[in-house]
Amino acid sequence: MMISLFLSICLLLVAVANGFGEEYEALKGLKSVKAVFDVRAGNPKSAALSLKVIHQTYQHKNITAVTKNPAFAVVFIGPSVKLISKNREGFSPEEQNILDEIASTISQMSKEGIKLEICLIAAQVFGVDPASVLPEIKHVGNGWVSLIGYQAKGYSLVPAY
């Protein structure tokens, strides 16, 4: 079962990285691309995969053909907030390695201009000390307010649960 899941994920990543060699009808006529990702996955493996695919999407040749600098934002809400803390207590050694991958991906995303935010309500609910949050991530009081604001500014909402 796990091998099958692993192979499926690998094939998905290869397909996304290759861009399927396609054109996207949905992108025709656009002059900009703006997306906000609502990240809630609390499972380290799922969250790591989601963040890698978000990052690959930002770099995707069809997106950068529309605009060199797409506007992407990631808002961490719900259990995902536990995965962006420097506090690794309660995570297995394997999960801690995945958290290192998440931190590395977040660092790369930030350097490329992707906005990253954490909902402080979720941090409080899930016992995450705001001081322990990765430094690239901006603190916002309420992640839903950010999601509403981004959408009002024309960002497409992309759920990443």
Protein backbone atom coordinates (compact mmCIF):
# COMPACT_ATOMS: atom_id res chain seq x y z
CA MET A 1 0.00 0.00 0.00
CA MET A 2 2.73 2.48 1.01
CA ILE A 3 4.81 1.57 -2.06
CA SER A 4 1.81 2.20 -4.29
CA LEU A 5 1.18 5.57 -2.64
CA PHE A 6 4.87 6.48 -2.96
CA LEU A 7 4.93 5.58 -6.66
CA SER A 8 1.75 7.58 -7.29
CA ILE A 9 3.25 10.63 -5.59
CA CYS A 10 6.49 10.24 -7.59
CA LEU A 11 4.56 10.03 -10.84
CA LEU A 12 2.53 13.11 -9.88
CA LEU A 13 5.68 15.08 -9.11
CA VAL A 14 7.33 14.05 -12.39
CA ALA A 15 4.19 14.96 -14.32
CA VAL A 16 3.92 18.35 -12.60
CA ALA A 17 7.62 19.05 -13.10
CA ASN A 18 7.38 18.17 -16.78
CA GLY A 19 4.24 20.25 -17.19
CA PHE A 20 2.71 17.48 -19.33
CA GLY A 21 3.93 19.47 -22.38
CA GLU A 22 0.56 21.18 -22.59
CA GLU A 23 -1.16 24.44 -23.15
CA TYR A 24 -3.71 25.63 -20.61
CA GLU A 25 -6.84 27.11 -22.13
CA ALA A 26 -7.60 28.60 -18.71
CA LEU A 27 -4.46 30.77 -18.84
CA LYS A 28 -5.06 32.23 -22.30
CA GLY A 29 -5.58 35.98 -22.26
CA LEU A 30 -4.33 36.47 -18.70
CA LYS A 31 -1.88 39.21 -17.91
CA SER A 32 -1.30 38.14 -14.30
CA VAL A 33 -1.64 35.13 -12.04
CA LYS A 34 -2.60 35.55 -8.39
CA ALA A 35 -3.33 32.63 -6.07
CA VAL A 36 -3.70 32.16 -2.34
CA PHE A 37 -3.29 28.65 -0.93
CA ASP A 38 -5.26 27.69 2.18
CA VAL A 39 -2.92 25.10 3.74
CA ARG A 40 -4.42 23.02 6.55
CA ALA A 41 -2.74 19.60 6.21
CA GLY A 42 -1.46 18.49 9.61
CA ASN A 43 0.27 15.38 8.30
CA PRO A 44 3.95 16.16 7.59
CA LYS A 45 4.09 14.04 4.41
CA SER A 46 0.91 15.56 2.97
CA ALA A 47 1.97 19.10 3.85
CA ALA A 48 5.46 18.60 2.40
CA LEU A 49 3.97 17.33 -0.86
CA SER A 50 1.47 20.20 -1.03
CA LEU A 51 4.19 22.81 -0.46
CA LYS A 52 6.45 21.26 -3.10
CA VAL A 53 3.62 21.26 -5.64
CA ILE A 54 2.70 24.87 -4.75
CA HIS A 55 6.35 25.84 -5.29
CA GLN A 56 6.54 23.92 -8.58
CA THR A 57 3.31 25.59 -9.71
CA TYR A 58 4.83 29.01 -8.98
CA GLN A 59 7.80 28.05 -11.18
CA HIS A 60 5.70 26.30 -13.86
CA LYS A 61 6.57 27.42 -17.39
CA ASN A 62 2.93 28.11 -18.27
CA ILE A 63 2.50 30.33 -15.20
CA THR A 64 5.75 32.22 -15.82
CA ALA A 65 4.78 32.63 -19.49
CA VAL A 66 1.81 34.73 -18.29
CA THR A 67 3.89 36.73 -15.83
CA LYS A 68 7.49 36.43 -14.68
CA ASN A 69 6.48 37.14 -11.10
CA PRO A 70 3.17 35.48 -10.24
CA ALA A 71 1.61 36.63 -6.97
CA PHE A 72 1.32 33.62 -4.66
CA ALA A 73 0.47 33.56 -0.96
CA VAL A 74 0.27 30.63 1.43
CA VAL A 75 -1.81 30.90 4.60
CA PHE A 76 -1.25 28.20 7.22
CA ILE A 77 -4.45 27.47 9.13
CA GLY A 78 -5.56 24.62 11.37
CA PRO A 79 -3.22 21.73 12.19
CA SER A 80 -0.65 22.79 9.57
CA VAL A 81 0.61 25.42 12.03
CA LYS A 82 2.31 22.66 14.05
CA LEU A 83 4.52 21.86 11.04
CA ILE A 84 6.05 25.34 10.68
CA SER A 85 7.36 25.63 14.22
CA LYS A 86 10.95 25.10 15.28
CA ASN A 87 9.52 23.08 18.18
CA ARG A 88 9.67 19.46 17.00
CA GLU A 89 8.42 17.88 20.22
CA GLY A 90 6.09 14.94 19.64
CA PHE A 91 7.30 14.21 16.09
CA SER A 92 9.10 10.97 15.22
CA PRO A 93 12.64 11.10 13.78
CA GLU A 94 11.20 10.38 10.30
CA GLU A 95 8.66 13.18 10.69
CA GLN A 96 11.40 15.54 11.88
CA ASN A 97 13.28 14.87 8.63
CA ILE A 98 10.12 15.79 6.72
CA LEU A 99 9.79 18.96 8.83
CA ASP A 100 13.34 19.84 7.71
CA GLU A 101 12.17 19.44 4.09
CA ILE A 102 9.16 21.68 4.82
CA ALA A 103 11.44 24.34 6.35
CA SER A 104 13.74 24.18 3.33
CA THR A 105 10.85 24.50 0.88
CA ILE A 106 9.44 27.43 2.84
CA SER A 107 12.83 29.16 2.78
CA GLN A 108 13.08 28.72 -1.00
CA MET A 109 9.51 29.91 -1.52
CA SER A 110 10.14 33.02 0.58
CA LYS A 111 13.33 33.86 -1.33
CA GLU A 112 11.38 33.69 -4.59
CA GLY A 113 8.72 36.11 -3.35
CA ILE A 114 5.90 33.82 -2.23
CA LYS A 115 4.12 35.38 0.75
CA LEU A 116 3.75 33.08 3.76
CA GLU A 117 1.43 33.67 6.72
CA ILE A 118 0.37 31.83 9.87
CA CYS A 119 -3.01 32.24 11.55
CA LEU A 120 -2.37 33.10 15.19
CA ILE A 121 -5.80 31.81 16.21
CA ALA A 122 -4.78 28.38 14.89
CA ALA A 123 -1.38 28.70 16.56
CA GLN A 124 -3.11 29.29 19.89
CA VAL A 125 -5.61 26.44 19.38
CA PHE A 126 -2.83 23.99 18.45
CA GLY A 127 -0.40 25.15 21.15
CA VAL A 128 2.21 26.68 18.85
CA ASP A 129 4.29 29.45 20.39
CA PRO A 130 4.39 32.26 17.80
CA ALA A 131 8.06 32.87 18.71
CA SER A 132 8.87 29.33 17.47
CA VAL A 133 7.42 29.88 13.97
CA LEU A 134 9.86 29.79 11.06
CA PRO A 135 11.19 33.33 10.47
CA GLU A 136 9.99 33.58 6.85
CA ILE A 137 6.37 33.38 7.93
CA LYS A 138 4.39 36.53 8.75
CA HIS A 139 2.02 36.38 11.72
CA VAL A 140 -1.60 37.38 11.10
CA GLY A 141 -4.28 37.42 13.78
CA ASN A 142 -6.90 35.59 11.73
CA GLY A 143 -6.02 33.56 8.63
CA TRP A 144 -9.56 33.76 7.31
CA VAL A 145 -9.31 37.56 7.23
CA SER A 146 -6.16 37.18 5.09
CA LEU A 147 -7.92 34.72 2.77
CA ILE A 148 -10.85 37.13 2.40
CA GLY A 149 -8.47 40.02 1.68
CA TYR A 150 -6.48 38.12 -0.92
CA GLN A 151 -9.65 37.01 -2.68
CA ALA A 152 -11.00 40.57 -2.65
CA LYS A 153 -7.75 41.58 -4.39
CA GLY A 154 -8.34 39.04 -7.15
CA TYR A 155 -6.35 36.09 -5.85
CA SER A 156 -7.79 32.67 -6.70
CA LEU A 157 -8.40 30.55 -3.61
CA VAL A 158 -6.75 27.11 -3.75
CA PRO A 159 -7.54 24.76 -0.85
CA ALA A 160 -4.63 22.53 0.20
CA TYR A 161 -6.06 20.21 2.84
